[in-house]
Amino acid sequence: MTHLKNQAIQTALTGDWLNAISLNKSILEENPNDIDTLNRLGFALSSVGDAKEAKIIYQKVLSLDAQNPIALRNLKRLSSNTSAKIVAPAQVSNLFIEEPGRTKIIELLNSADKKVISILRSGEILQLAIKRMKIFVLDQHKQYVGMLPDDIGRRLIRFMNGGNTYEAYVKSVDGNKVTIFAREVKRTSRFKNQPSFSPSERPKLLMSSKGKGYRKYEAENDEYESNDETNHTEEE
């Protein structure tokens, strides 16, 4: 059963929602009241557009645990028809193709609470927001997810202020660790010979899930600065 659950989790992380539905249903045949599995099934159903069945599953979760935060959050999202934009499952494998200097797999620092990041899906589109020389990563409801390491953040702020544009996607979620895939979409002539991401940048260690950056972001009530309010850094 543990092996089956691990398979179900992996299919969700890779956006293989049809297999995720099948695996989670198999698990529920043995234990129909497994809340974690029910939440995974509801999430997979909503990801393939079956909102009606997803709501039924989440209602069952709430009948077992009336305050379950995952079920409550997802029911609210389904009811408001504001499901997060996500790359189609068939396209996820092509989404994460790396291009030296133009893409970067980044482990976020100061990740948000598990109840926030646990519902992120591989391929889900994220937002990059500049705030006082740092870059915060937000979901599509502008809810804090984590922040870029300072060296990468400072570099991107300079390029963003100069006209470059970037996109970011959830790559994987493992416990309190969130890994994203960032890609340069547009490079201005000013930076035509300067790569957005340096190959010499070293991976950063994950900080506590409610670190300084997270508390600071919460205190400022989602008021992040626009690019024109952020000073340019010196060229690296």
C-alpha atoms as a PDB file:
ATOM      1  CA  MET A   1       0.000   0.000   0.000  1.00  0.00           C
ATOM      2  CA  THR A   2       2.852   2.404   0.785  1.00  0.00           C
ATOM      3  CA  HIS A   3       4.326   1.731  -2.661  1.00  0.00           C
ATOM      4  CA  LEU A   4       0.950   2.493  -4.269  1.00  0.00           C
ATOM      5  CA  LYS A   5       0.675   5.755  -2.336  1.00  0.00           C
ATOM      6  CA  ASN A   6       4.167   6.779  -3.430  1.00  0.00           C
ATOM      7  CA  GLN A   7       3.188   6.082  -7.031  1.00  0.00           C
ATOM      8  CA  ALA A   8       0.057   8.192  -6.624  1.00  0.00           C
ATOM      9  CA  ILE A   9       2.093  11.098  -5.253  1.00  0.00           C
ATOM     10  CA  GLN A  10       4.643  10.880  -8.068  1.00  0.00           C
ATOM     11  CA  THR A  11       1.974  10.864 -10.783  1.00  0.00           C
ATOM     12  CA  ALA A  12       0.552  14.057  -9.277  1.00  0.00           C
ATOM     13  CA  LEU A  13       3.971  15.734  -9.149  1.00  0.00           C
ATOM     14  CA  THR A  14       4.498  14.988 -12.844  1.00  0.00           C
ATOM     15  CA  GLY A  15       0.993  16.052 -13.831  1.00  0.00           C
ATOM     16  CA  ASP A  16      -0.084  12.553 -14.888  1.00  0.00           C
ATOM     17  CA  TRP A  17      -3.614  13.098 -13.635  1.00  0.00           C
ATOM     18  CA  LEU A  18      -5.357  10.146 -15.293  1.00  0.00           C
ATOM     19  CA  ASN A  19      -2.968   7.675 -13.663  1.00  0.00           C
ATOM     20  CA  ALA A  20      -3.250   9.614 -10.411  1.00  0.00           C
ATOM     21  CA  ILE A  21      -7.025   9.156 -10.466  1.00  0.00           C
ATOM     22  CA  SER A  22      -6.686   5.421 -11.131  1.00  0.00           C
ATOM     23  CA  LEU A  23      -4.084   4.870  -8.401  1.00  0.00           C
ATOM     24  CA  ASN A  24      -5.927   6.853  -5.761  1.00  0.00           C
ATOM     25  CA  LYS A  25      -9.173   5.020  -6.509  1.00  0.00           C
ATOM     26  CA  SER A  26      -7.314   1.714  -6.069  1.00  0.00           C
ATOM     27  CA  ILE A  27      -6.062   2.842  -2.657  1.00  0.00           C
ATOM     28  CA  LEU A  28      -9.579   3.860  -1.619  1.00  0.00           C
ATOM     29  CA  GLU A  29     -10.924   0.398  -2.443  1.00  0.00           C
ATOM     30  CA  GLU A  30      -8.976  -0.863   0.565  1.00  0.00           C
ATOM     31  CA  ASN A  31      -9.405   2.211   2.771  1.00  0.00           C
ATOM     32  CA  PRO A  32     -12.323   4.407   1.604  1.00  0.00           C
ATOM     33  CA  ASN A  33     -11.824   6.897   4.456  1.00  0.00           C
ATOM     34  CA  ASP A  34      -8.163   7.699   3.802  1.00  0.00           C
ATOM     35  CA  ILE A  35      -8.296  11.501   3.911  1.00  0.00           C
ATOM     36  CA  ASP A  36      -4.926  12.098   2.229  1.00  0.00           C
ATOM     37  CA  THR A  37      -5.894   9.828  -0.656  1.00  0.00           C
ATOM     38  CA  LEU A  38      -9.320  11.450  -0.966  1.00  0.00           C
ATOM     39  CA  ASN A  39      -7.692  14.879  -1.184  1.00  0.00           C
ATOM     40  CA  ARG A  40      -5.283  13.629  -3.842  1.00  0.00           C
ATOM     41  CA  LEU A  41      -8.174  12.163  -5.809  1.00  0.00           C
ATOM     42  CA  GLY A  42     -10.184  15.372  -5.563  1.00  0.00           C
ATOM     43  CA  PHE A  43      -7.183  17.347  -6.770  1.00  0.00           C
ATOM     44  CA  ALA A  44      -6.591  15.007  -9.720  1.00  0.00           C
ATOM     45  CA  LEU A  45     -10.261  15.124 -10.706  1.00  0.00           C
ATOM     46  CA  SER A  46     -10.286  18.924 -10.645  1.00  0.00           C
ATOM     47  CA  SER A  47      -7.097  18.936 -12.719  1.00  0.00           C
ATOM     48  CA  VAL A  48      -8.805  17.075 -15.569  1.00  0.00           C
ATOM     49  CA  GLY A  49     -11.812  19.383 -15.363  1.00  0.00           C
ATOM     50  CA  ASP A  50     -14.192  17.096 -13.479  1.00  0.00           C
ATOM     51  CA  ALA A  51     -15.239  19.705 -10.925  1.00  0.00           C
ATOM     52  CA  LYS A  52     -18.496  17.931 -10.057  1.00  0.00           C
ATOM     53  CA  GLU A  53     -16.793  14.712  -8.930  1.00  0.00           C
ATOM     54  CA  ALA A  54     -14.006  16.661  -7.230  1.00  0.00           C
ATOM     55  CA  LYS A  55     -16.562  18.527  -5.106  1.00  0.00           C
ATOM     56  CA  ILE A  56     -18.183  15.228  -4.097  1.00  0.00           C
ATOM     57  CA  ILE A  57     -14.804  13.893  -2.962  1.00  0.00           C
ATOM     58  CA  TYR A  58     -13.979  17.034  -0.991  1.00  0.00           C
ATOM     59  CA  GLN A  59     -17.403  16.954   0.668  1.00  0.00           C
ATOM     60  CA  LYS A  60     -16.629  13.414   1.801  1.00  0.00           C
ATOM     61  CA  VAL A  61     -13.344  14.643   3.279  1.00  0.00           C
ATOM     62  CA  LEU A  62     -15.246  17.304   5.232  1.00  0.00           C
ATOM     63  CA  SER A  63     -17.687  14.697   6.499  1.00  0.00           C
ATOM     64  CA  LEU A  64     -14.668  12.941   8.032  1.00  0.00           C
ATOM     65  CA  ASP A  65     -12.768  16.091   9.039  1.00  0.00           C
ATOM     66  CA  ALA A  66     -14.932  19.222   9.043  1.00  0.00           C
ATOM     67  CA  GLN A  67     -11.944  21.599   9.290  1.00  0.00           C
ATOM     68  CA  ASN A  68      -9.662  19.917   6.767  1.00  0.00           C
ATOM     69  CA  PRO A  69      -7.804  22.919   5.236  1.00  0.00           C
ATOM     70  CA  ILE A  70      -7.015  21.255   1.913  1.00  0.00           C
ATOM     71  CA  ALA A  71     -10.627  20.268   1.223  1.00  0.00           C
ATOM     72  CA  LEU A  72     -11.945  23.661   2.367  1.00  0.00           C
ATOM     73  CA  ARG A  73      -9.484  25.566   0.197  1.00  0.00           C
ATOM     74  CA  ASN A  74     -10.104  23.498  -2.907  1.00  0.00           C
ATOM     75  CA  LEU A  75     -13.882  23.562  -2.531  1.00  0.00           C
ATOM     76  CA  LYS A  76     -13.686  27.346  -2.333  1.00  0.00           C
ATOM     77  CA  ARG A  77     -11.538  27.439  -5.444  1.00  0.00           C
ATOM     78  CA  LEU A  78     -13.903  25.143  -7.361  1.00  0.00           C
ATOM     79  CA  SER A  79     -16.964  27.099  -6.246  1.00  0.00           C
ATOM     80  CA  SER A  80     -15.472  30.402  -7.384  1.00  0.00           C
ATOM     81  CA  ASN A  81     -14.321  28.957 -10.715  1.00  0.00           C
ATOM     82  CA  THR A  82     -10.821  30.323 -10.183  1.00  0.00           C
ATOM     83  CA  SER A  83      -8.837  27.140 -10.625  1.00  0.00           C
ATOM     84  CA  ALA A  84      -5.149  27.811 -11.141  1.00  0.00           C
ATOM     85  CA  LYS A  85      -3.798  27.811 -14.654  1.00  0.00           C
ATOM     86  CA  ILE A  86      -1.718  24.742 -15.304  1.00  0.00           C
ATOM     87  CA  VAL A  87       0.135  23.340 -18.267  1.00  0.00           C
ATOM     88  CA  ALA A  88      -1.650  20.351 -19.784  1.00  0.00           C
ATOM     89  CA  PRO A  89      -0.301  16.997 -18.508  1.00  0.00           C
ATOM     90  CA  ALA A  90       0.929  15.997 -21.963  1.00  0.00           C
ATOM     91  CA  GLN A  91       3.029  19.164 -22.127  1.00  0.00           C
ATOM     92  CA  VAL A  92       4.641  19.008 -18.690  1.00  0.00           C
ATOM     93  CA  SER A  93       7.616  16.899 -19.818  1.00  0.00           C
ATOM     94  CA  ASN A  94       8.355  19.418 -22.578  1.00  0.00           C
ATOM     95  CA  LEU A  95       7.924  22.374 -20.245  1.00  0.00           C
ATOM     96  CA  PHE A  96      11.047  21.647 -18.201  1.00  0.00           C
ATOM     97  CA  ILE A  97      13.548  21.447 -21.058  1.00  0.00           C
ATOM     98  CA  GLU A  98      16.650  23.294 -19.890  1.00  0.00           C
ATOM     99  CA  GLU A  99      18.486  25.905 -21.966  1.00  0.00           C
ATOM    100  CA  PRO A 100      21.852  27.085 -20.577  1.00  0.00           C
ATOM    101  CA  GLY A 101      21.641  30.712 -19.483  1.00  0.00           C
ATOM    102  CA  ARG A 102      17.915  30.959 -20.202  1.00  0.00           C
ATOM    103  CA  THR A 103      16.380  28.545 -17.691  1.00  0.00           C
ATOM    104  CA  LYS A 104      17.019  27.606 -14.102  1.00  0.00           C
ATOM    105  CA  ILE A 105      15.687  25.019 -11.657  1.00  0.00           C
ATOM    106  CA  ILE A 106      15.513  26.836  -8.322  1.00  0.00           C
ATOM    107  CA  GLU A 107      14.772  25.617  -4.810  1.00  0.00           C
ATOM    108  CA  LEU A 108      12.856  28.340  -2.995  1.00  0.00           C
ATOM    109  CA  LEU A 109      13.817  29.726   0.382  1.00  0.00           C
ATOM    110  CA  ASN A 110      11.449  30.449   3.291  1.00  0.00           C
ATOM    111  CA  SER A 111       8.631  28.371   1.839  1.00  0.00           C
ATOM    112  CA  ALA A 112       5.060  28.979   2.962  1.00  0.00           C
ATOM    113  CA  ASP A 113       3.011  26.761   5.256  1.00  0.00           C
ATOM    114  CA  LYS A 114       2.509  23.189   4.129  1.00  0.00           C
ATOM    115  CA  LYS A 115      -1.227  23.796   3.741  1.00  0.00           C
ATOM    116  CA  VAL A 116      -0.378  26.351   1.034  1.00  0.00           C
ATOM    117  CA  ILE A 117       2.303  24.479  -0.863  1.00  0.00           C
ATOM    118  CA  SER A 118       0.750  21.017  -0.576  1.00  0.00           C
ATOM    119  CA  ILE A 119      -1.875  21.866  -3.182  1.00  0.00           C
ATOM    120  CA  LEU A 120       0.566  23.213  -5.767  1.00  0.00           C
ATOM    121  CA  ARG A 121       0.707  21.148  -8.935  1.00  0.00           C
ATOM    122  CA  SER A 122       3.594  20.439 -11.271  1.00  0.00           C
ATOM    123  CA  GLY A 123       3.265  22.819 -14.207  1.00  0.00           C
ATOM    124  CA  GLU A 124       1.209  25.393 -12.304  1.00  0.00           C
ATOM    125  CA  ILE A 125       2.039  28.934 -13.372  1.00  0.00           C
ATOM    126  CA  LEU A 126       3.572  31.192 -10.720  1.00  0.00           C
ATOM    127  CA  GLN A 127       4.209  34.922 -10.416  1.00  0.00           C
ATOM    128  CA  LEU A 128       7.503  36.662  -9.668  1.00  0.00           C
ATOM    129  CA  ALA A 129       7.087  39.840  -7.599  1.00  0.00           C
ATOM    130  CA  ILE A 130       9.863  42.292  -6.700  1.00  0.00           C
ATOM    131  CA  LYS A 131       9.988  43.621  -3.149  1.00  0.00           C
ATOM    132  CA  ARG A 132      12.940  45.580  -1.747  1.00  0.00           C
ATOM    133  CA  MET A 133      15.643  43.892  -3.793  1.00  0.00           C
ATOM    134  CA  LYS A 134      14.143  40.434  -3.349  1.00  0.00           C
ATOM    135  CA  ILE A 135      11.901  38.332  -5.559  1.00  0.00           C
ATOM    136  CA  PHE A 136       8.886  36.681  -3.979  1.00  0.00           C
ATOM    137  CA  VAL A 137       7.166  33.793  -5.708  1.00  0.00           C
ATOM    138  CA  LEU A 138       3.362  33.898  -5.570  1.00  0.00           C
ATOM    139  CA  ASP A 139       0.636  31.567  -6.733  1.00  0.00           C
ATOM    140  CA  GLN A 140      -2.084  32.820  -9.057  1.00  0.00           C
ATOM    141  CA  HIS A 141      -4.114  34.100  -6.124  1.00  0.00           C
ATOM    142  CA  LYS A 142      -1.109  36.231  -5.140  1.00  0.00           C
ATOM    143  CA  GLN A 143      -0.512  34.070  -2.106  1.00  0.00           C
ATOM    144  CA  TYR A 144       3.091  33.776  -0.936  1.00  0.00           C
ATOM    145  CA  VAL A 145       4.842  30.510  -1.898  1.00  0.00           C
ATOM    146  CA  GLY A 146       8.525  31.267  -1.267  1.00  0.00           C
ATOM    147  CA  MET A 147      11.391  33.503  -2.339  1.00  0.00           C
ATOM    148  CA  LEU A 148      14.363  33.248  -4.681  1.00  0.00           C
ATOM    149  CA  PRO A 149      17.883  32.981  -3.231  1.00  0.00           C
ATOM    150  CA  ASP A 150      19.407  36.451  -2.955  1.00  0.00           C
ATOM    151  CA  ASP A 151      22.072  36.000  -5.638  1.00  0.00           C
ATOM    152  CA  ILE A 152      19.582  34.808  -8.254  1.00  0.00           C
ATOM    153  CA  GLY A 153      17.017  37.387  -7.150  1.00  0.00           C
ATOM    154  CA  ARG A 154      19.389  40.345  -7.422  1.00  0.00           C
ATOM    155  CA  ARG A 155      20.501  39.236 -10.863  1.00  0.00           C
ATOM    156  CA  LEU A 156      16.939  38.838 -12.158  1.00  0.00           C
ATOM    157  CA  ILE A 157      15.816  42.172 -10.683  1.00  0.00           C
ATOM    158  CA  ARG A 158      18.478  43.922 -12.729  1.00  0.00           C
ATOM    159  CA  PHE A 159      17.362  42.158 -15.901  1.00  0.00           C
ATOM    160  CA  MET A 160      13.658  42.676 -15.195  1.00  0.00           C
ATOM    161  CA  ASN A 161      14.192  46.386 -14.593  1.00  0.00           C
ATOM    162  CA  GLY A 162      16.027  46.492 -17.912  1.00  0.00           C
ATOM    163  CA  GLY A 163      13.114  44.993 -19.828  1.00  0.00           C
ATOM    164  CA  ASN A 164      13.665  41.229 -19.720  1.00  0.00           C
ATOM    165  CA  THR A 165      10.606  39.124 -18.961  1.00  0.00           C
ATOM    166  CA  TYR A 166      10.396  35.745 -17.228  1.00  0.00           C
ATOM    167  CA  GLU A 167       7.915  33.000 -16.448  1.00  0.00           C
ATOM    168  CA  ALA A 168       7.956  30.468 -13.640  1.00  0.00           C
ATOM    169  CA  TYR A 169       6.271  27.128 -13.004  1.00  0.00           C
ATOM    170  CA  VAL A 170       6.026  24.674 -10.145  1.00  0.00           C
ATOM    171  CA  LYS A 171       8.410  21.810 -10.840  1.00  0.00           C
ATOM    172  CA  SER A 172       8.006  19.761  -7.671  1.00  0.00           C
ATOM    173  CA  VAL A 173       6.899  19.876  -4.053  1.00  0.00           C
ATOM    174  CA  ASP A 174       8.509  17.583  -1.484  1.00  0.00           C
ATOM    175  CA  GLY A 175       7.503  18.205   2.115  1.00  0.00           C
ATOM    176  CA  ASN A 176       8.402  21.846   2.807  1.00  0.00           C
ATOM    177  CA  LYS A 177      10.634  22.053  -0.248  1.00  0.00           C
ATOM    178  CA  VAL A 178       9.330  23.804  -3.357  1.00  0.00           C
ATOM    179  CA  THR A 179      11.318  23.689  -6.584  1.00  0.00           C
ATOM    180  CA  ILE A 180      10.392  25.912  -9.501  1.00  0.00           C
ATOM    181  CA  PHE A 181      11.430  26.146 -13.128  1.00  0.00           C
ATOM    182  CA  ALA A 182      12.188  29.707 -14.275  1.00  0.00           C
ATOM    183  CA  ARG A 183      12.563  30.642 -17.920  1.00  0.00           C
ATOM    184  CA  GLU A 184      13.627  33.771 -19.757  1.00  0.00           C
ATOM    185  CA  VAL A 185      10.845  34.713 -22.164  1.00  0.00           C
ATOM    186  CA  LYS A 186      12.228  37.927 -23.621  1.00  0.00           C
ATOM    187  CA  ARG A 187      15.762  39.381 -23.620  1.00  0.00           C
ATOM    188  CA  THR A 188      16.226  43.021 -24.550  1.00  0.00           C
ATOM    189  CA  SER A 189      19.031  44.199 -26.820  1.00  0.00           C
ATOM    190  CA  ARG A 190      20.679  45.812 -23.804  1.00  0.00           C
ATOM    191  CA  PHE A 191      21.403  42.337 -22.404  1.00  0.00           C
ATOM    192  CA  LYS A 192      21.769  40.441 -25.678  1.00  0.00           C
ATOM    193  CA  ASN A 193      25.094  38.876 -24.636  1.00  0.00           C
ATOM    194  CA  GLN A 194      24.300  38.415 -20.957  1.00  0.00           C
ATOM    195  CA  PRO A 195      22.697  35.144 -19.795  1.00  0.00           C
ATOM    196  CA  SER A 196      19.882  35.479 -17.286  1.00  0.00           C
ATOM    197  CA  PHE A 197      21.165  32.616 -15.174  1.00  0.00           C
ATOM    198  CA  SER A 198      24.795  32.025 -14.337  1.00  0.00           C
ATOM    199  CA  PRO A 199      25.975  28.383 -14.380  1.00  0.00           C
ATOM    200  CA  SER A 200      28.287  29.180 -11.464  1.00  0.00           C
ATOM    201  CA  GLU A 201      25.417  29.777  -9.041  1.00  0.00           C
ATOM    202  CA  ARG A 202      25.390  27.153  -6.316  1.00  0.00           C
ATOM    203  CA  PRO A 203      22.195  25.484  -5.023  1.00  0.00           C
ATOM    204  CA  LYS A 204      20.815  27.029  -1.854  1.00  0.00           C
ATOM    205  CA  LEU A 205      19.822  25.192   1.315  1.00  0.00           C
ATOM    206  CA  LEU A 206      16.161  25.337   2.226  1.00  0.00           C
ATOM    207  CA  MET A 207      15.396  27.542   5.220  1.00  0.00           C
ATOM    208  CA  SER A 208      12.627  26.999   7.770  1.00  0.00           C
ATOM    209  CA  SER A 209       9.076  27.028   6.421  1.00  0.00           C
ATOM    210  CA  LYS A 210       8.236  30.188   8.359  1.00  0.00           C
ATOM    211  CA  GLY A 211      11.506  32.069   8.078  1.00  0.00           C
ATOM    212  CA  LYS A 212      12.200  35.768   8.150  1.00  0.00           C
ATOM    213  CA  GLY A 213      11.210  36.431   4.564  1.00  0.00           C
ATOM    214  CA  TYR A 214       7.848  34.711   5.008  1.00  0.00           C
ATOM    215  CA  ARG A 215       6.987  36.654   8.179  1.00  0.00           C
ATOM    216  CA  LYS A 216       8.042  39.902   6.544  1.00  0.00           C
ATOM    217  CA  TYR A 217       5.895  39.211   3.510  1.00  0.00           C
ATOM    218  CA  GLU A 218       2.859  38.397   5.636  1.00  0.00           C
ATOM    219  CA  ALA A 219       3.319  41.604   7.648  1.00  0.00           C
ATOM    220  CA  GLU A 220       3.263  43.710   4.508  1.00  0.00           C
ATOM    221  CA  ASN A 221      -0.093  42.302   3.387  1.00  0.00           C
ATOM    222  CA  ASP A 222       0.849  41.376  -0.170  1.00  0.00           C
ATOM    223  CA  GLU A 223       2.069  44.905  -0.968  1.00  0.00           C
ATOM    224  CA  TYR A 224       5.034  44.195  -3.180  1.00  0.00           C
ATOM    225  CA  GLU A 225       6.804  46.817  -5.215  1.00  0.00           C
ATOM    226  CA  SER A 226       6.539  47.236  -8.958  1.00  0.00           C
ATOM    227  CA  ASN A 227       9.734  47.201 -10.993  1.00  0.00           C
ATOM    228  CA  ASP A 228      10.011  50.954 -11.292  1.00  0.00           C
ATOM    229  CA  GLU A 229      10.167  51.305  -7.505  1.00  0.00           C
ATOM    230  CA  THR A 230      13.170  49.013  -7.208  1.00  0.00           C
ATOM    231  CA  ASN A 231      16.685  50.371  -7.545  1.00  0.00           C
ATOM    232  CA  HIS A 232      18.985  48.891 -10.142  1.00  0.00           C
ATOM    233  CA  THR A 233      21.809  46.717  -8.879  1.00  0.00           C
ATOM    234  CA  GLU A 234      25.341  47.031 -10.111  1.00  0.00           C
ATOM    235  CA  GLU A 235      26.246  44.856 -13.085  1.00  0.00           C
ATOM    236  CA  GLU A 236      27.536  41.474 -12.045  1.00  0.00           C
END
